[in-house]
N, C-alpha and C. Protein backbone atom coordinates (compact mmCIF):
# COMPACT_ATOMS: atom_id res chain seq x y z
N MET A 1 20.78 -9.47 -17.55
CA MET A 1 20.38 -9.69 -16.24
C MET A 1 19.02 -10.56 -16.22
N ASN A 2 18.98 -11.46 -15.54
CA ASN A 2 17.79 -12.42 -15.38
C ASN A 2 16.78 -11.76 -14.50
N GLU A 3 15.65 -12.32 -14.23
CA GLU A 3 14.59 -11.86 -13.52
C GLU A 3 14.92 -11.80 -11.97
N SER A 4 15.62 -12.84 -11.60
CA SER A 4 16.00 -12.95 -10.08
C SER A 4 17.00 -11.89 -9.80
N GLU A 5 18.03 -11.63 -10.69
CA GLU A 5 19.06 -10.65 -10.46
C GLU A 5 18.50 -9.22 -10.42
N PHE A 6 17.53 -9.04 -11.33
CA PHE A 6 16.80 -7.83 -11.41
C PHE A 6 16.12 -7.53 -10.11
N ASP A 7 15.19 -8.49 -9.65
CA ASP A 7 14.43 -8.38 -8.46
C ASP A 7 15.29 -8.01 -7.31
N LYS A 8 16.45 -8.74 -7.13
CA LYS A 8 17.34 -8.49 -5.97
C LYS A 8 17.90 -7.07 -6.04
N LYS A 9 18.44 -6.61 -7.22
CA LYS A 9 19.05 -5.36 -7.43
C LYS A 9 17.88 -4.13 -7.17
N ALA A 10 16.80 -4.40 -7.79
CA ALA A 10 15.63 -3.42 -7.56
C ALA A 10 15.30 -3.31 -6.04
N THR A 11 15.05 -4.44 -5.42
CA THR A 11 14.62 -4.53 -4.07
C THR A 11 15.64 -3.80 -3.12
N ASP A 12 16.95 -4.12 -3.38
CA ASP A 12 18.09 -3.57 -2.60
C ASP A 12 18.01 -2.01 -2.75
N THR A 13 17.78 -1.54 -3.99
CA THR A 13 17.70 -0.17 -4.26
C THR A 13 16.57 0.61 -3.55
N LEU A 14 15.39 -0.06 -3.59
CA LEU A 14 14.18 0.50 -2.78
C LEU A 14 14.48 0.70 -1.32
N LEU A 15 15.23 -0.45 -0.82
CA LEU A 15 15.55 -0.40 0.60
C LEU A 15 16.61 0.74 0.84
N ARG A 16 17.63 0.85 0.04
CA ARG A 16 18.49 2.02 0.15
C ARG A 16 17.79 3.39 0.21
N ILE A 17 16.81 3.52 -0.72
CA ILE A 17 16.01 4.76 -0.63
C ILE A 17 15.32 5.02 0.70
N GLU A 18 14.70 3.98 1.11
CA GLU A 18 13.98 4.00 2.46
C GLU A 18 14.97 4.42 3.54
N GLN A 19 16.16 3.70 3.64
CA GLN A 19 17.21 3.98 4.55
C GLN A 19 17.64 5.47 4.43
N GLY A 20 17.96 5.86 3.25
CA GLY A 20 18.42 7.28 2.98
C GLY A 20 17.47 8.37 3.59
N ILE A 21 16.11 8.08 3.41
CA ILE A 21 15.21 8.98 3.91
C ILE A 21 15.14 9.00 5.35
N GLU A 22 15.11 7.80 5.92
CA GLU A 22 15.12 7.68 7.53
C GLU A 22 16.38 8.44 7.94
N GLU A 23 17.49 8.21 7.52
CA GLU A 23 18.79 8.84 8.03
C GLU A 23 18.82 10.30 7.75
N SER A 24 18.04 10.82 6.80
CA SER A 24 18.06 12.31 6.58
C SER A 24 17.37 13.13 7.60
N GLY A 25 16.47 12.41 8.29
CA GLY A 25 15.52 13.21 9.21
C GLY A 25 14.48 14.10 8.62
N ALA A 26 14.37 13.91 7.28
CA ALA A 26 13.44 14.71 6.58
C ALA A 26 11.91 14.37 6.96
N ASP A 27 11.07 15.23 6.88
CA ASP A 27 9.63 15.06 7.16
C ASP A 27 8.91 14.42 6.00
N ILE A 28 9.29 13.07 5.65
CA ILE A 28 8.75 12.36 4.52
C ILE A 28 8.20 11.11 5.07
N ASP A 29 6.88 10.89 4.75
CA ASP A 29 6.30 9.55 5.06
C ASP A 29 6.39 8.67 3.90
N PHE A 30 6.76 7.28 4.22
CA PHE A 30 6.90 6.52 2.97
C PHE A 30 6.31 4.99 3.38
N GLU A 31 5.82 4.38 2.34
CA GLU A 31 5.22 3.11 2.50
C GLU A 31 5.70 2.18 1.33
N ALA A 32 6.13 0.98 1.64
CA ALA A 32 6.64 -0.04 0.68
C ALA A 32 5.67 -1.19 0.63
N ALA A 33 5.25 -1.51 -0.51
CA ALA A 33 4.39 -2.80 -0.60
C ALA A 33 4.49 -3.25 -2.10
N GLY A 34 4.67 -4.50 -2.22
CA GLY A 34 4.60 -5.09 -3.57
C GLY A 34 5.55 -4.60 -4.60
N GLY A 35 6.74 -4.07 -4.24
CA GLY A 35 7.70 -3.50 -5.16
C GLY A 35 7.35 -2.05 -5.49
N ILE A 36 6.45 -1.42 -4.73
CA ILE A 36 6.13 -0.07 -4.92
C ILE A 36 6.54 0.71 -3.69
N LEU A 37 7.19 1.75 -3.75
CA LEU A 37 7.66 2.71 -2.70
C LEU A 37 6.91 3.99 -2.99
N THR A 38 6.14 4.34 -2.00
CA THR A 38 5.37 5.71 -2.11
C THR A 38 5.95 6.60 -1.16
N LEU A 39 6.39 7.75 -1.58
CA LEU A 39 6.91 8.84 -0.68
C LEU A 39 5.83 9.91 -0.62
N GLU A 40 5.34 10.32 0.61
CA GLU A 40 4.40 11.29 0.78
C GLU A 40 4.90 12.55 1.45
N PHE A 41 4.75 13.65 1.04
CA PHE A 41 5.18 14.95 1.64
C PHE A 41 4.17 15.73 2.37
N ALA A 42 4.61 16.57 3.24
CA ALA A 42 3.73 17.47 4.08
C ALA A 42 2.71 18.17 3.26
N ASN A 43 3.14 18.56 1.99
CA ASN A 43 2.18 19.35 1.09
C ASN A 43 1.15 18.56 0.37
N GLY A 44 1.15 17.22 0.69
CA GLY A 44 0.17 16.31 0.13
C GLY A 44 0.62 15.64 -1.24
N THR A 45 1.69 16.04 -1.80
CA THR A 45 2.14 15.41 -3.00
C THR A 45 2.90 14.07 -2.81
N LYS A 46 3.08 13.35 -3.83
CA LYS A 46 3.69 12.02 -3.76
C LYS A 46 4.79 11.90 -4.72
N ILE A 47 5.70 10.95 -4.56
CA ILE A 47 6.56 10.45 -5.58
C ILE A 47 6.34 8.94 -5.47
N ILE A 48 6.15 8.12 -6.47
CA ILE A 48 6.11 6.74 -6.59
C ILE A 48 7.30 6.20 -7.22
N VAL A 49 8.00 5.13 -6.63
CA VAL A 49 9.20 4.51 -7.05
C VAL A 49 8.80 3.06 -7.15
N ASN A 50 8.78 2.29 -8.35
CA ASN A 50 8.32 1.09 -8.38
C ASN A 50 9.28 0.16 -9.38
N LYS A 51 9.31 -1.06 -9.11
CA LYS A 51 10.03 -1.96 -9.92
C LYS A 51 9.00 -2.42 -11.13
N GLN A 52 9.62 -2.52 -12.32
CA GLN A 52 8.93 -2.94 -13.57
C GLN A 52 9.79 -4.15 -14.01
N GLY A 53 9.35 -5.24 -13.56
CA GLY A 53 10.09 -6.50 -13.86
C GLY A 53 10.22 -6.89 -15.40
N ALA A 54 9.01 -6.68 -16.00
CA ALA A 54 9.07 -7.05 -17.44
C ALA A 54 10.01 -6.17 -18.25
N ALA A 55 10.17 -4.93 -17.88
CA ALA A 55 11.02 -4.03 -18.55
C ALA A 55 12.50 -3.94 -17.94
N ARG A 56 12.56 -4.68 -16.78
CA ARG A 56 13.94 -4.62 -15.99
C ARG A 56 14.19 -3.20 -15.66
N GLN A 57 13.39 -2.42 -15.21
CA GLN A 57 13.56 -1.11 -14.90
C GLN A 57 13.05 -0.72 -13.59
N ILE A 58 13.48 0.45 -13.12
CA ILE A 58 12.85 1.10 -11.91
C ILE A 58 12.18 2.34 -12.49
N TRP A 59 10.92 2.55 -12.21
CA TRP A 59 10.06 3.60 -12.72
C TRP A 59 9.82 4.67 -11.64
N VAL A 60 9.96 5.93 -11.96
CA VAL A 60 9.64 6.95 -10.91
C VAL A 60 8.60 7.84 -11.60
N ALA A 61 7.63 8.15 -10.78
CA ALA A 61 6.58 9.12 -11.09
C ALA A 61 6.58 10.23 -10.03
N ALA A 62 6.93 11.41 -10.49
CA ALA A 62 7.06 12.56 -9.70
C ALA A 62 6.14 13.75 -10.28
N LYS A 63 6.05 14.72 -9.57
CA LYS A 63 5.25 15.87 -10.14
C LYS A 63 5.86 16.41 -11.56
N SER A 64 7.13 16.30 -11.58
CA SER A 64 7.84 16.74 -12.83
C SER A 64 7.76 15.82 -13.86
N GLY A 65 7.31 14.60 -13.76
CA GLY A 65 7.04 13.67 -14.86
C GLY A 65 7.35 12.27 -14.48
N GLY A 66 7.36 11.33 -15.51
CA GLY A 66 7.76 9.90 -15.27
C GLY A 66 9.08 9.58 -15.81
N TYR A 67 9.79 8.76 -15.16
CA TYR A 67 11.18 8.52 -15.54
C TYR A 67 11.46 6.99 -15.52
N HIS A 68 12.21 6.49 -16.47
CA HIS A 68 12.57 5.08 -16.36
C HIS A 68 14.07 4.90 -16.33
N TYR A 69 14.45 3.93 -15.41
CA TYR A 69 15.87 3.67 -15.14
C TYR A 69 16.20 2.24 -15.30
N GLY A 70 17.11 1.96 -16.18
CA GLY A 70 17.78 0.67 -16.40
C GLY A 70 19.15 0.51 -15.73
N PHE A 71 19.32 -0.81 -15.48
CA PHE A 71 20.71 -1.07 -14.69
C PHE A 71 21.82 -1.09 -15.70
N VAL A 72 22.83 -0.06 -15.64
CA VAL A 72 23.84 -0.03 -16.61
C VAL A 72 25.16 0.16 -15.84
N ASP A 73 26.19 -0.66 -16.00
CA ASP A 73 27.41 -0.58 -15.38
C ASP A 73 27.40 -0.17 -13.88
N GLY A 74 26.41 -0.97 -13.16
CA GLY A 74 26.39 -0.84 -11.69
C GLY A 74 25.54 0.25 -11.16
N GLN A 75 24.85 0.95 -11.99
CA GLN A 75 23.94 2.08 -11.62
C GLN A 75 22.63 2.06 -12.34
N TRP A 76 21.58 2.60 -11.76
CA TRP A 76 20.27 2.87 -12.42
C TRP A 76 20.31 3.99 -13.24
N ILE A 77 20.34 4.03 -14.59
CA ILE A 77 20.46 5.16 -15.39
C ILE A 77 19.21 5.51 -16.03
N ASN A 78 18.81 6.75 -16.15
CA ASN A 78 17.54 7.28 -16.92
C ASN A 78 17.77 6.97 -18.31
N ASP A 79 16.83 6.26 -18.92
CA ASP A 79 16.98 5.95 -20.33
C ASP A 79 16.59 7.15 -21.28
N GLN A 80 16.03 8.17 -20.61
CA GLN A 80 15.56 9.46 -21.32
C GLN A 80 16.60 10.50 -21.29
N GLY A 81 17.45 10.60 -20.24
CA GLY A 81 18.36 11.58 -20.17
C GLY A 81 19.73 11.29 -19.66
N GLY A 82 19.93 10.09 -19.15
CA GLY A 82 21.27 9.62 -18.82
C GLY A 82 21.52 9.81 -17.43
N GLY A 83 20.64 10.47 -16.57
CA GLY A 83 21.01 10.80 -15.20
C GLY A 83 20.88 9.52 -14.31
N GLU A 84 21.51 9.58 -13.15
CA GLU A 84 21.55 8.52 -12.17
C GLU A 84 20.36 8.58 -11.26
N LEU A 85 19.74 7.44 -10.97
CA LEU A 85 18.51 7.31 -10.22
C LEU A 85 18.67 8.09 -8.82
N MET A 86 19.54 7.81 -7.99
CA MET A 86 19.70 8.33 -6.66
C MET A 86 19.89 9.88 -6.69
N SER A 87 20.70 10.40 -7.68
CA SER A 87 20.89 11.88 -7.54
C SER A 87 19.54 12.54 -8.15
N GLU A 88 19.00 11.97 -9.19
CA GLU A 88 17.74 12.55 -9.65
C GLU A 88 16.65 12.47 -8.72
N LEU A 89 16.52 11.31 -7.99
CA LEU A 89 15.47 11.32 -7.01
C LEU A 89 15.65 12.28 -5.83
N SER A 90 16.95 12.41 -5.43
CA SER A 90 17.24 13.40 -4.43
C SER A 90 16.75 14.80 -4.93
N ARG A 91 17.00 15.15 -6.19
CA ARG A 91 16.54 16.43 -6.71
C ARG A 91 14.96 16.53 -6.86
N PHE A 92 14.35 15.47 -7.26
CA PHE A 92 12.86 15.45 -7.30
C PHE A 92 12.29 15.71 -5.93
N ILE A 93 12.88 15.08 -4.89
CA ILE A 93 12.34 15.26 -3.55
C ILE A 93 12.48 16.72 -3.05
N ARG A 94 13.62 17.26 -3.38
CA ARG A 94 13.89 18.66 -2.95
C ARG A 94 12.94 19.65 -3.75
N GLU A 95 12.72 19.44 -5.10
CA GLU A 95 11.82 20.22 -5.76
C GLU A 95 10.49 20.19 -5.36
N GLN A 96 10.06 18.95 -5.00
CA GLN A 96 8.68 18.69 -4.73
C GLN A 96 8.29 18.96 -3.27
N SER A 97 9.21 19.00 -2.32
CA SER A 97 8.94 19.10 -0.91
C SER A 97 9.70 20.05 -0.13
N ASP A 98 10.78 20.60 -0.73
CA ASP A 98 11.81 21.40 -0.10
C ASP A 98 12.49 20.65 1.07
N GLU A 99 12.52 19.42 1.06
CA GLU A 99 13.29 18.70 1.98
C GLU A 99 14.68 18.23 1.33
N GLU A 100 15.63 18.30 2.01
CA GLU A 100 16.96 17.98 1.59
C GLU A 100 17.29 16.44 2.02
N VAL A 101 17.37 15.62 0.88
CA VAL A 101 17.75 14.21 1.13
C VAL A 101 18.76 13.90 0.07
N ASN A 102 19.91 13.41 0.57
CA ASN A 102 20.98 13.10 -0.37
C ASN A 102 21.09 11.55 -0.38
N LEU A 103 20.52 11.08 -1.47
CA LEU A 103 20.46 9.56 -1.62
C LEU A 103 21.73 9.04 -2.32
N GLY A 104 22.48 9.98 -2.89
CA GLY A 104 23.75 9.70 -3.74
C GLY A 104 24.80 9.13 -2.84
């Protein structure tokens, strides 16, 4: 995948995350700027989701750790454990904020 294709896929994914959070009705504030999506929860903790163009990955920083996702067969897959981005991010949100958001 070239840089332009990566940027489009990653940007679309960040927008899907924002839309999923909005539609869930969960009490989560978020801000997107420069390829970085910051989710902030009522308890003051955050999850950061960002595009890493040089690595062609989406990186997630959560309370539980840092995770890297590459685009494989139409999905963003965790290169450390094989999990899919949207399902893992839904779990990270639930664990960190007790909010139910189904991004999958």
